[in-house]
Structure formats: structure tokens, C-alpha cells
């Protein structure tokens, strides 16, 4: 299965998300108030990084640029340069095919590898430890989605996150829900470089077709 299927047959406003960018269906659960130590750090850093993603048996390397919760992903797949811009503040994502100069607009949840921080913070969270990854001090958090009542016999869906105090997810490992199915996910970031980034790189450089 490819990470990304070229959605040429769909209009810019109705294109389905590529498999590796598929929606991660999460359900908020009622829980006791979390301890301050268990609350995920907010995404405050502006930085670039190299990111390795393993999803559903496939591997993809990408360049990521983040300005707080905004993210830009750049990668080459099937000899095509592709750029995904994730804007949770607009509940939108933009996927650009550079060589063919095509732009597709999607709801945020249909394009993000991970749910928005606001969603993650609404799930049951526990901080397990403090350690170092790639020279960065991180907290190891475990985020759990409990099964819905009609699926109470199922095991919880568990995702481990290793996050810096300024909100850089250095590593993610565990299960996610994609269209109701469990899928394994691994994400690792390295070569972190904190820097100011131009807000314009988080806007699509192509126009949607009428």
C-alpha cells in the first residue's frame, strides 16, 4: 500500500485523504482532572526537523517545518515532490503536487498524522518518565482512548508520545484508529533546529481550481 495515492480523479474540494494522511478517529473520554505533570506540553516551538514515519508497514522520510501547531511536510514519493500544510487553527490541510501544480484542500483530521494537540489533551493521559532523545530532554506520555460502550470488550487504543517542554513531538509509537481500524504508527524526529519561520510557508503557494 502506498502512503499517498495521487487523487487526480477528485476535485480540489472533495479529494479523499491519502492513506498515510488518513483521518485518525479519536473519541474524547470523560476522565478525572489530570495532574499538571500529566498534561501534554503545548506546541510553542518554531523549528525544522527530519521526520521518519512508519505506518501500516510502509516507511516515509520527510522534512518537517513547524511554527507552533502549524506544520509543513515536504517529501518525494513515486518521483513526485509533495507538500502538505496542516493548519488546525482553520481545521484545514492543503496538499500540493509540485510538478503537476495541483492543490487539494481537506479537513484537518483527514490529513494529519496525529490529532491536534487540543484533541490529544482531551484524552486520558499519563506521564511515565523523563529522558533524552536525540539530545533533547523529553517527557514520555501515554495517551489512551478507551473503547466506546458498544465495543467495551475491546482493548484501549494506546499511543506513546515523547515531547519536549516546548511541544516538539520527538517520537510517537503505538496504535491509531483509521476509519475505525487499528493501525500501528511510529514517528521519529531528528536534527531539530529551532528557528524563526516565515508564516507564508504555511500558506499554499498554488491556487485551488474554481
C-alpha atoms as a PDB file:
ATOM      1  CA  UNK A   1       0.000   0.000   0.000  1.00  0.00           C
ATOM      2  CA  UNK A   2       1.406   3.387  -0.942  1.00  0.00           C
ATOM      3  CA  UNK A   3       1.446   6.186   1.567  1.00  0.00           C
ATOM      4  CA  UNK A   4      -0.073   8.596  -0.934  1.00  0.00           C
ATOM      5  CA  UNK A   5      -2.370   7.960  -3.886  1.00  0.00           C
ATOM      6  CA  UNK A   6      -2.490  10.721  -6.490  1.00  0.00           C
ATOM      7  CA  UNK A   7      -6.112  11.996  -6.231  1.00  0.00           C
ATOM      8  CA  UNK A   8      -6.360  13.217  -9.834  1.00  0.00           C
ATOM      9  CA  UNK A   9      -9.913  11.999 -10.244  1.00  0.00           C
ATOM     10  CA  UNK A  10     -11.249  14.135  -7.380  1.00  0.00           C
ATOM     11  CA  UNK A  11     -11.997  17.818  -7.264  1.00  0.00           C
ATOM     12  CA  UNK A  12      -9.870  20.067  -5.072  1.00  0.00           C
ATOM     13  CA  UNK A  13     -12.657  20.408  -2.534  1.00  0.00           C
ATOM     14  CA  UNK A  14     -13.702  16.752  -2.319  1.00  0.00           C
ATOM     15  CA  UNK A  15     -10.441  14.801  -2.690  1.00  0.00           C
ATOM     16  CA  UNK A  16     -10.106  11.961  -0.180  1.00  0.00           C
ATOM     17  CA  UNK A  17      -7.099  11.902   2.111  1.00  0.00           C
ATOM     18  CA  UNK A  18      -4.128   9.741   1.117  1.00  0.00           C
ATOM     19  CA  UNK A  19      -3.770   6.556   3.180  1.00  0.00           C
ATOM     20  CA  UNK A  20      -0.811   7.737   5.254  1.00  0.00           C
ATOM     21  CA  UNK A  21      -2.622  11.017   5.883  1.00  0.00           C
ATOM     22  CA  UNK A  22      -5.908   9.312   6.694  1.00  0.00           C
ATOM     23  CA  UNK A  23      -8.205  10.575   9.425  1.00  0.00           C
ATOM     24  CA  UNK A  24      -7.317   9.490  12.929  1.00  0.00           C
ATOM     25  CA  UNK A  25     -10.669   8.920  14.577  1.00  0.00           C
ATOM     26  CA  UNK A  26     -10.458   9.757  18.250  1.00  0.00           C
ATOM     27  CA  UNK A  27     -13.169   9.908  20.854  1.00  0.00           C
ATOM     28  CA  UNK A  28     -12.942  12.181  23.869  1.00  0.00           C
ATOM     29  CA  UNK A  29     -13.416  10.336  27.126  1.00  0.00           C
ATOM     30  CA  UNK A  30     -14.639  11.556  30.472  1.00  0.00           C
ATOM     31  CA  UNK A  31     -11.813  11.377  32.998  1.00  0.00           C
ATOM     32  CA  UNK A  32     -10.814  12.753  36.349  1.00  0.00           C
ATOM     33  CA  UNK A  33      -8.915  16.052  36.207  1.00  0.00           C
ATOM     34  CA  UNK A  34      -5.329  15.380  35.125  1.00  0.00           C
ATOM     35  CA  UNK A  35      -2.362  16.222  37.314  1.00  0.00           C
ATOM     36  CA  UNK A  36      -0.321  19.134  35.964  1.00  0.00           C
ATOM     37  CA  UNK A  37       2.538  16.702  35.253  1.00  0.00           C
ATOM     38  CA  UNK A  38       0.240  14.632  33.028  1.00  0.00           C
ATOM     39  CA  UNK A  39      -0.822  17.488  30.739  1.00  0.00           C
ATOM     40  CA  UNK A  40       0.853  17.436  27.323  1.00  0.00           C
ATOM     41  CA  UNK A  41       3.157  20.431  26.703  1.00  0.00           C
ATOM     42  CA  UNK A  42       1.664  22.981  24.311  1.00  0.00           C
ATOM     43  CA  UNK A  43       3.258  23.310  20.830  1.00  0.00           C
ATOM     44  CA  UNK A  44       5.246  26.534  21.170  1.00  0.00           C
ATOM     45  CA  UNK A  45       8.464  25.825  19.248  1.00  0.00           C
ATOM     46  CA  UNK A  46       9.309  27.090  15.770  1.00  0.00           C
ATOM     47  CA  UNK A  47      11.678  24.571  14.165  1.00  0.00           C
ATOM     48  CA  UNK A  48      12.695  22.330  11.275  1.00  0.00           C
ATOM     49  CA  UNK A  49      13.402  18.604  11.547  1.00  0.00           C
ATOM     50  CA  UNK A  50      13.915  15.383   9.628  1.00  0.00           C
ATOM     51  CA  UNK A  51      10.996  13.034  10.268  1.00  0.00           C
ATOM     52  CA  UNK A  52      10.749   9.295   9.722  1.00  0.00           C
ATOM     53  CA  UNK A  53       7.257   7.781   9.634  1.00  0.00           C
ATOM     54  CA  UNK A  54       6.380   4.081   9.658  1.00  0.00           C
ATOM     55  CA  UNK A  55       2.721   3.394   9.085  1.00  0.00           C
ATOM     56  CA  UNK A  56       0.907   0.199   8.065  1.00  0.00           C
ATOM     57  CA  UNK A  57       4.158  -1.484   7.033  1.00  0.00           C
ATOM     58  CA  UNK A  58       5.405   1.425   4.902  1.00  0.00           C
ATOM     59  CA  UNK A  59       8.202   3.938   5.589  1.00  0.00           C
ATOM     60  CA  UNK A  60       8.438   7.578   4.529  1.00  0.00           C
ATOM     61  CA  UNK A  61      11.118  10.190   5.175  1.00  0.00           C
ATOM     62  CA  UNK A  62      10.111  13.845   5.121  1.00  0.00           C
ATOM     63  CA  UNK A  63      11.304  17.306   6.007  1.00  0.00           C
ATOM     64  CA  UNK A  64       9.014  18.977   8.514  1.00  0.00           C
ATOM     65  CA  UNK A  65       8.770  22.621   9.471  1.00  0.00           C
ATOM     66  CA  UNK A  66       6.656  23.671  12.436  1.00  0.00           C
ATOM     67  CA  UNK A  67       5.577  27.035  13.779  1.00  0.00           C
ATOM     68  CA  UNK A  68       3.634  26.178  16.913  1.00  0.00           C
ATOM     69  CA  UNK A  69       0.739  23.972  15.799  1.00  0.00           C
ATOM     70  CA  UNK A  70       1.233  24.753  12.089  1.00  0.00           C
ATOM     71  CA  UNK A  71       3.128  22.077  10.176  1.00  0.00           C
ATOM     72  CA  UNK A  72       4.602  21.796   6.674  1.00  0.00           C
ATOM     73  CA  UNK A  73       5.658  18.356   5.375  1.00  0.00           C
ATOM     74  CA  UNK A  74       7.904  18.032   2.301  1.00  0.00           C
ATOM     75  CA  UNK A  75       8.687  14.670   0.717  1.00  0.00           C
ATOM     76  CA  UNK A  76       9.194  12.820  -2.573  1.00  0.00           C
ATOM     77  CA  UNK A  77       7.021   9.823  -3.410  1.00  0.00           C
ATOM     78  CA  UNK A  78       6.800   7.994  -6.729  1.00  0.00           C
ATOM     79  CA  UNK A  79       9.139  10.626  -8.208  1.00  0.00           C
ATOM     80  CA  UNK A  80       6.738  13.416  -7.286  1.00  0.00           C
ATOM     81  CA  UNK A  81       7.521  16.247  -4.884  1.00  0.00           C
ATOM     82  CA  UNK A  82       4.637  16.706  -2.492  1.00  0.00           C
ATOM     83  CA  UNK A  83       3.944  19.267   0.212  1.00  0.00           C
ATOM     84  CA  UNK A  84       1.299  19.035   2.927  1.00  0.00           C
ATOM     85  CA  UNK A  85       0.430  22.079   5.042  1.00  0.00           C
ATOM     86  CA  UNK A  86      -1.535  21.386   8.227  1.00  0.00           C
ATOM     87  CA  UNK A  87      -3.489  24.262   9.801  1.00  0.00           C
ATOM     88  CA  UNK A  88      -5.525  23.115  12.827  1.00  0.00           C
ATOM     89  CA  UNK A  89      -6.480  26.745  13.528  1.00  0.00           C
ATOM     90  CA  UNK A  90      -8.518  26.661  10.304  1.00  0.00           C
ATOM     91  CA  UNK A  91      -9.443  22.982  10.515  1.00  0.00           C
ATOM     92  CA  UNK A  92      -7.858  22.737   7.058  1.00  0.00           C
ATOM     93  CA  UNK A  93      -4.991  20.965   5.324  1.00  0.00           C
ATOM     94  CA  UNK A  94      -3.534  21.665   1.895  1.00  0.00           C
ATOM     95  CA  UNK A  95      -1.790  19.002  -0.208  1.00  0.00           C
ATOM     96  CA  UNK A  96       0.264  20.242  -3.166  1.00  0.00           C
ATOM     97  CA  UNK A  97       1.730  18.210  -6.023  1.00  0.00           C
ATOM     98  CA  UNK A  98       4.611  20.438  -7.061  1.00  0.00           C
ATOM     99  CA  UNK A  99       5.459  19.159 -10.563  1.00  0.00           C
ATOM    100  CA  UNK A 100       1.851  18.977 -11.734  1.00  0.00           C
ATOM    101  CA  UNK A 101       0.988  22.201  -9.859  1.00  0.00           C
ATOM    102  CA  UNK A 102      -2.131  20.754  -8.247  1.00  0.00           C
ATOM    103  CA  UNK A 103      -3.598  21.719  -4.881  1.00  0.00           C
ATOM    104  CA  UNK A 104      -6.119  19.762  -2.813  1.00  0.00           C
ATOM    105  CA  UNK A 105      -7.857  21.109   0.286  1.00  0.00           C
ATOM    106  CA  UNK A 106      -9.001  18.738   3.049  1.00  0.00           C
ATOM    107  CA  UNK A 107     -10.410  18.892   6.570  1.00  0.00           C
ATOM    108  CA  UNK A 108      -7.545  18.824   9.075  1.00  0.00           C
ATOM    109  CA  UNK A 109      -8.470  15.442  10.570  1.00  0.00           C
ATOM    110  CA  UNK A 110      -8.326  13.805   7.126  1.00  0.00           C
ATOM    111  CA  UNK A 111      -4.732  14.882   6.558  1.00  0.00           C
ATOM    112  CA  UNK A 112      -2.953  14.851   9.921  1.00  0.00           C
ATOM    113  CA  UNK A 113      -0.742  12.010  11.073  1.00  0.00           C
ATOM    114  CA  UNK A 114      -1.686  12.814  14.665  1.00  0.00           C
ATOM    115  CA  UNK A 115      -4.745  14.537  16.112  1.00  0.00           C
ATOM    116  CA  UNK A 116      -4.436  18.193  17.039  1.00  0.00           C
ATOM    117  CA  UNK A 117      -2.995  18.919  20.488  1.00  0.00           C
ATOM    118  CA  UNK A 118      -6.382  20.134  21.672  1.00  0.00           C
ATOM    119  CA  UNK A 119      -7.796  16.694  20.906  1.00  0.00           C
ATOM    120  CA  UNK A 120      -4.860  14.815  22.428  1.00  0.00           C
ATOM    121  CA  UNK A 121      -5.175  16.866  25.599  1.00  0.00           C
ATOM    122  CA  UNK A 122      -8.792  15.750  25.919  1.00  0.00           C
ATOM    123  CA  UNK A 123      -7.819  12.085  26.092  1.00  0.00           C
ATOM    124  CA  UNK A 124      -6.707  10.106  29.140  1.00  0.00           C
ATOM    125  CA  UNK A 125      -3.029  10.970  29.590  1.00  0.00           C
ATOM    126  CA  UNK A 126      -0.303   9.773  31.950  1.00  0.00           C
ATOM    127  CA  UNK A 127       3.298  10.931  32.174  1.00  0.00           C
ATOM    128  CA  UNK A 128       5.588   7.923  32.607  1.00  0.00           C
ATOM    129  CA  UNK A 129       9.121   9.322  32.755  1.00  0.00           C
ATOM    130  CA  UNK A 130      11.664  11.965  31.738  1.00  0.00           C
ATOM    131  CA  UNK A 131      14.532  11.087  29.393  1.00  0.00           C
ATOM    132  CA  UNK A 132      16.591  12.299  26.434  1.00  0.00           C
ATOM    133  CA  UNK A 133      16.074  11.599  22.704  1.00  0.00           C
ATOM    134  CA  UNK A 134      18.431  12.964  20.033  1.00  0.00           C
ATOM    135  CA  UNK A 135      19.941  15.256  22.655  1.00  0.00           C
ATOM    136  CA  UNK A 136      16.524  16.710  23.588  1.00  0.00           C
ATOM    137  CA  UNK A 137      15.013  16.452  27.059  1.00  0.00           C
ATOM    138  CA  UNK A 138      11.549  14.931  26.696  1.00  0.00           C
ATOM    139  CA  UNK A 139       8.671  13.697  28.775  1.00  0.00           C
ATOM    140  CA  UNK A 140       7.274  10.254  27.947  1.00  0.00           C
ATOM    141  CA  UNK A 141       3.474  10.427  27.919  1.00  0.00           C
ATOM    142  CA  UNK A 142       0.933   7.680  27.263  1.00  0.00           C
ATOM    143  CA  UNK A 143      -2.357   8.702  25.678  1.00  0.00           C
ATOM    144  CA  UNK A 144      -5.267   6.248  25.856  1.00  0.00           C
ATOM    145  CA  UNK A 145      -8.566   6.154  24.004  1.00  0.00           C
ATOM    146  CA  UNK A 146     -10.985   3.955  25.853  1.00  0.00           C
ATOM    147  CA  UNK A 147     -13.372   1.807  23.779  1.00  0.00           C
ATOM    148  CA  UNK A 148     -16.886   3.056  23.256  1.00  0.00           C
ATOM    149  CA  UNK A 149     -19.675   1.406  25.214  1.00  0.00           C
ATOM    150  CA  UNK A 150     -20.771  -0.773  22.307  1.00  0.00           C
ATOM    151  CA  UNK A 151     -17.188  -2.038  21.948  1.00  0.00           C
ATOM    152  CA  UNK A 152     -16.428  -2.315  25.655  1.00  0.00           C
ATOM    153  CA  UNK A 153     -14.793  -5.721  25.222  1.00  0.00           C
ATOM    154  CA  UNK A 154     -12.054  -4.234  23.031  1.00  0.00           C
ATOM    155  CA  UNK A 155      -8.670  -3.211  24.413  1.00  0.00           C
ATOM    156  CA  UNK A 156      -7.954   0.528  24.690  1.00  0.00           C
ATOM    157  CA  UNK A 157      -6.079   2.219  21.849  1.00  0.00           C
ATOM    158  CA  UNK A 158      -2.735   3.364  23.287  1.00  0.00           C
ATOM    159  CA  UNK A 159      -0.266   5.852  21.794  1.00  0.00           C
ATOM    160  CA  UNK A 160       3.049   6.766  23.471  1.00  0.00           C
ATOM    161  CA  UNK A 161       4.417  10.270  22.861  1.00  0.00           C
ATOM    162  CA  UNK A 162       7.838  11.692  23.729  1.00  0.00           C
ATOM    163  CA  UNK A 163       7.532  15.500  23.842  1.00  0.00           C
ATOM    164  CA  UNK A 164       9.905  18.364  24.656  1.00  0.00           C
ATOM    165  CA  UNK A 165       8.831  21.065  27.148  1.00  0.00           C
ATOM    166  CA  UNK A 166       8.098  23.410  24.197  1.00  0.00           C
ATOM    167  CA  UNK A 167       5.857  20.864  22.494  1.00  0.00           C
ATOM    168  CA  UNK A 168       8.033  19.098  19.881  1.00  0.00           C
ATOM    169  CA  UNK A 169       6.864  15.512  19.424  1.00  0.00           C
ATOM    170  CA  UNK A 170      10.233  13.779  19.087  1.00  0.00           C
ATOM    171  CA  UNK A 171       8.763  10.292  18.935  1.00  0.00           C
ATOM    172  CA  UNK A 172       5.351   8.644  18.681  1.00  0.00           C
ATOM    173  CA  UNK A 173       4.715   4.917  18.862  1.00  0.00           C
ATOM    174  CA  UNK A 174       1.613   2.805  19.249  1.00  0.00           C
ATOM    175  CA  UNK A 175      -1.772   2.388  17.632  1.00  0.00           C
ATOM    176  CA  UNK A 176      -4.093   4.842  15.924  1.00  0.00           C
ATOM    177  CA  UNK A 177      -7.600   4.449  14.573  1.00  0.00           C
ATOM    178  CA  UNK A 178      -8.012   4.975  10.830  1.00  0.00           C
ATOM    179  CA  UNK A 179     -11.602   4.755   9.599  1.00  0.00           C
ATOM    180  CA  UNK A 180     -12.355   2.630  12.669  1.00  0.00           C
ATOM    181  CA  UNK A 181      -9.449   0.202  12.131  1.00  0.00           C
ATOM    182  CA  UNK A 182      -6.363  -0.070  14.318  1.00  0.00           C
ATOM    183  CA  UNK A 183      -3.090   0.703  12.579  1.00  0.00           C
ATOM    184  CA  UNK A 184       0.453   0.763  14.024  1.00  0.00           C
ATOM    185  CA  UNK A 185       2.283   4.081  13.826  1.00  0.00           C
ATOM    186  CA  UNK A 186       5.884   5.060  14.517  1.00  0.00           C
ATOM    187  CA  UNK A 187       7.230   8.585  14.134  1.00  0.00           C
ATOM    188  CA  UNK A 188      10.743   9.796  14.923  1.00  0.00           C
ATOM    189  CA  UNK A 189      12.192  13.298  14.554  1.00  0.00           C
ATOM    190  CA  UNK A 190      15.877  14.194  14.492  1.00  0.00           C
ATOM    191  CA  UNK A 191      18.156  17.090  13.507  1.00  0.00           C
ATOM    192  CA  UNK A 192      15.942  19.564  15.345  1.00  0.00           C
ATOM    193  CA  UNK A 193      16.803  23.156  14.524  1.00  0.00           C
ATOM    194  CA  UNK A 194      14.858  25.828  16.392  1.00  0.00           C
ATOM    195  CA  UNK A 195      14.488  28.939  14.262  1.00  0.00           C
ATOM    196  CA  UNK A 196      12.012  31.608  13.264  1.00  0.00           C
ATOM    197  CA  UNK A 197       9.999  30.539  10.220  1.00  0.00           C
ATOM    198  CA  UNK A 198       8.170  32.777   7.762  1.00  0.00           C
ATOM    199  CA  UNK A 199       4.395  32.379   8.242  1.00  0.00           C
ATOM    200  CA  UNK A 200       3.992  32.432   4.448  1.00  0.00           C
ATOM    201  CA  UNK A 201       5.498  28.951   4.092  1.00  0.00           C
ATOM    202  CA  UNK A 202       2.417  27.671   5.922  1.00  0.00           C
ATOM    203  CA  UNK A 203       0.140  29.006   3.186  1.00  0.00           C
ATOM    204  CA  UNK A 204      -0.425  27.112  -0.099  1.00  0.00           C
ATOM    205  CA  UNK A 205       1.638  28.590  -2.934  1.00  0.00           C
ATOM    206  CA  UNK A 206      -0.818  27.285  -5.528  1.00  0.00           C
ATOM    207  CA  UNK A 207      -4.440  28.299  -6.085  1.00  0.00           C
ATOM    208  CA  UNK A 208      -7.426  25.980  -5.903  1.00  0.00           C
ATOM    209  CA  UNK A 209      -9.110  25.364  -9.218  1.00  0.00           C
ATOM    210  CA  UNK A 210     -12.560  27.030  -9.500  1.00  0.00           C
END
